[in-house]
Amino acid sequence: MVVGAETLDRGVFTGPQLLKQMQAVNSTLKGQFKIGTSDNWSAFANGTADAVIQGQPDILYVHRIRPT
């Protein structure tokens, strides 16, 4: 289950806030599903997602935005 898709890139959540949301979803669902997030590669490259990575989610989807 993806929690907070692209919320780091858009500035909706900080890394620690997103991690807390992911943990809350996992707790609510009693660990029945793998929990992760999806965001633009820059959120992972620039350190914004460090707290999420350190929280050891089950899944991380990293994508890039192609220039138009």
C-alpha atoms as a PDB file:
ATOM      1  CA  MET A   1       0.000   0.000   0.000  1.00  0.00           C
ATOM      2  CA  VAL A   2       1.376   3.375  -1.008  1.00  0.00           C
ATOM      3  CA  VAL A   3       1.000   6.137   1.571  1.00  0.00           C
ATOM      4  CA  GLY A   4       1.603   9.776   0.658  1.00  0.00           C
ATOM      5  CA  ALA A   5       2.510   9.493  -3.018  1.00  0.00           C
ATOM      6  CA  GLU A   6       4.607  12.490  -4.073  1.00  0.00           C
ATOM      7  CA  THR A   7       3.863  14.356  -0.851  1.00  0.00           C
ATOM      8  CA  LEU A   8       7.548  14.985  -0.158  1.00  0.00           C
ATOM      9  CA  ASP A   9       8.174  16.465  -3.594  1.00  0.00           C
ATOM     10  CA  ARG A  10       5.141  18.742  -3.261  1.00  0.00           C
ATOM     11  CA  GLY A  11       6.021  19.745   0.304  1.00  0.00           C
ATOM     12  CA  VAL A  12       2.806  18.360   1.826  1.00  0.00           C
ATOM     13  CA  PHE A  13       4.753  16.370   4.437  1.00  0.00           C
ATOM     14  CA  THR A  14       8.287  16.426   5.751  1.00  0.00           C
ATOM     15  CA  GLY A  15      10.117  13.105   5.882  1.00  0.00           C
ATOM     16  CA  PRO A  16       9.372  12.595   9.605  1.00  0.00           C
ATOM     17  CA  GLN A  17       5.701  13.504   9.091  1.00  0.00           C
ATOM     18  CA  LEU A  18       5.341  11.051   6.217  1.00  0.00           C
ATOM     19  CA  LEU A  19       7.018   8.309   8.234  1.00  0.00           C
ATOM     20  CA  LYS A  20       4.546   8.938  11.060  1.00  0.00           C
ATOM     21  CA  GLN A  21       1.631   8.684   8.610  1.00  0.00           C
ATOM     22  CA  MET A  22       3.003   5.431   7.208  1.00  0.00           C
ATOM     23  CA  GLN A  23       3.399   3.999  10.701  1.00  0.00           C
ATOM     24  CA  ALA A  24      -0.170   5.040  11.584  1.00  0.00           C
ATOM     25  CA  VAL A  25      -1.566   3.309   8.494  1.00  0.00           C
ATOM     26  CA  ASN A  26       0.461   0.194   9.258  1.00  0.00           C
ATOM     27  CA  SER A  27      -0.801   0.181  12.832  1.00  0.00           C
ATOM     28  CA  THR A  28      -4.419   0.724  11.776  1.00  0.00           C
ATOM     29  CA  LEU A  29      -4.198  -2.122   9.271  1.00  0.00           C
ATOM     30  CA  LYS A  30      -2.425  -4.291  11.858  1.00  0.00           C
ATOM     31  CA  GLY A  31       0.475  -5.072   9.531  1.00  0.00           C
ATOM     32  CA  GLN A  32      -1.733  -6.907   7.033  1.00  0.00           C
ATOM     33  CA  PHE A  33      -0.186  -5.104   4.047  1.00  0.00           C
ATOM     34  CA  LYS A  34       3.250  -4.000   2.987  1.00  0.00           C
ATOM     35  CA  ILE A  35       3.476  -0.234   3.489  1.00  0.00           C
ATOM     36  CA  GLY A  36       5.602   2.190   1.510  1.00  0.00           C
ATOM     37  CA  THR A  37       5.598   5.424  -0.412  1.00  0.00           C
ATOM     38  CA  SER A  38       6.320   6.766  -3.868  1.00  0.00           C
ATOM     39  CA  ASP A  39       8.064   9.986  -4.742  1.00  0.00           C
ATOM     40  CA  ASN A  40      10.226  11.777  -7.259  1.00  0.00           C
ATOM     41  CA  TRP A  41      13.884  10.734  -7.185  1.00  0.00           C
ATOM     42  CA  SER A  42      14.920  14.218  -6.038  1.00  0.00           C
ATOM     43  CA  ALA A  43      13.192  13.724  -2.659  1.00  0.00           C
ATOM     44  CA  PHE A  44      15.486  10.756  -2.082  1.00  0.00           C
ATOM     45  CA  ALA A  45      18.584  12.387  -3.563  1.00  0.00           C
ATOM     46  CA  ASN A  46      18.335  15.662  -1.635  1.00  0.00           C
ATOM     47  CA  GLY A  47      17.750  14.097   1.791  1.00  0.00           C
ATOM     48  CA  THR A  48      14.075  14.999   2.133  1.00  0.00           C
ATOM     49  CA  ALA A  49      13.183  11.296   2.416  1.00  0.00           C
ATOM     50  CA  ASP A  50      15.972  10.335   4.812  1.00  0.00           C
ATOM     51  CA  ALA A  51      13.592   9.798   7.757  1.00  0.00           C
ATOM     52  CA  VAL A  52      11.370   7.608   5.593  1.00  0.00           C
ATOM     53  CA  ILE A  53      14.346   5.518   4.475  1.00  0.00           C
ATOM     54  CA  GLN A  54      15.631   5.184   8.037  1.00  0.00           C
ATOM     55  CA  GLY A  55      12.152   4.034   9.087  1.00  0.00           C
ATOM     56  CA  GLN A  56      12.707   0.978   6.859  1.00  0.00           C
ATOM     57  CA  PRO A  57       9.429   0.859   4.941  1.00  0.00           C
ATOM     58  CA  ASP A  58       8.472  -2.346   3.159  1.00  0.00           C
ATOM     59  CA  ILE A  59       8.434  -0.630  -0.250  1.00  0.00           C
ATOM     60  CA  LEU A  60       9.935   2.508  -1.788  1.00  0.00           C
ATOM     61  CA  TYR A  61       8.959   3.548  -5.285  1.00  0.00           C
ATOM     62  CA  VAL A  62      11.346   6.079  -6.763  1.00  0.00           C
ATOM     63  CA  HIS A  63      10.537   7.708 -10.070  1.00  0.00           C
ATOM     64  CA  ARG A  64      11.791  10.544 -12.151  1.00  0.00           C
ATOM     65  CA  ILE A  65       9.949  13.265 -13.935  1.00  0.00           C
ATOM     66  CA  ARG A  66      10.919  13.616 -17.556  1.00  0.00           C
ATOM     67  CA  PRO A  67      11.472  17.142 -18.819  1.00  0.00           C
ATOM     68  CA  THR A  68       8.800  18.413 -21.178  1.00  0.00           C
END
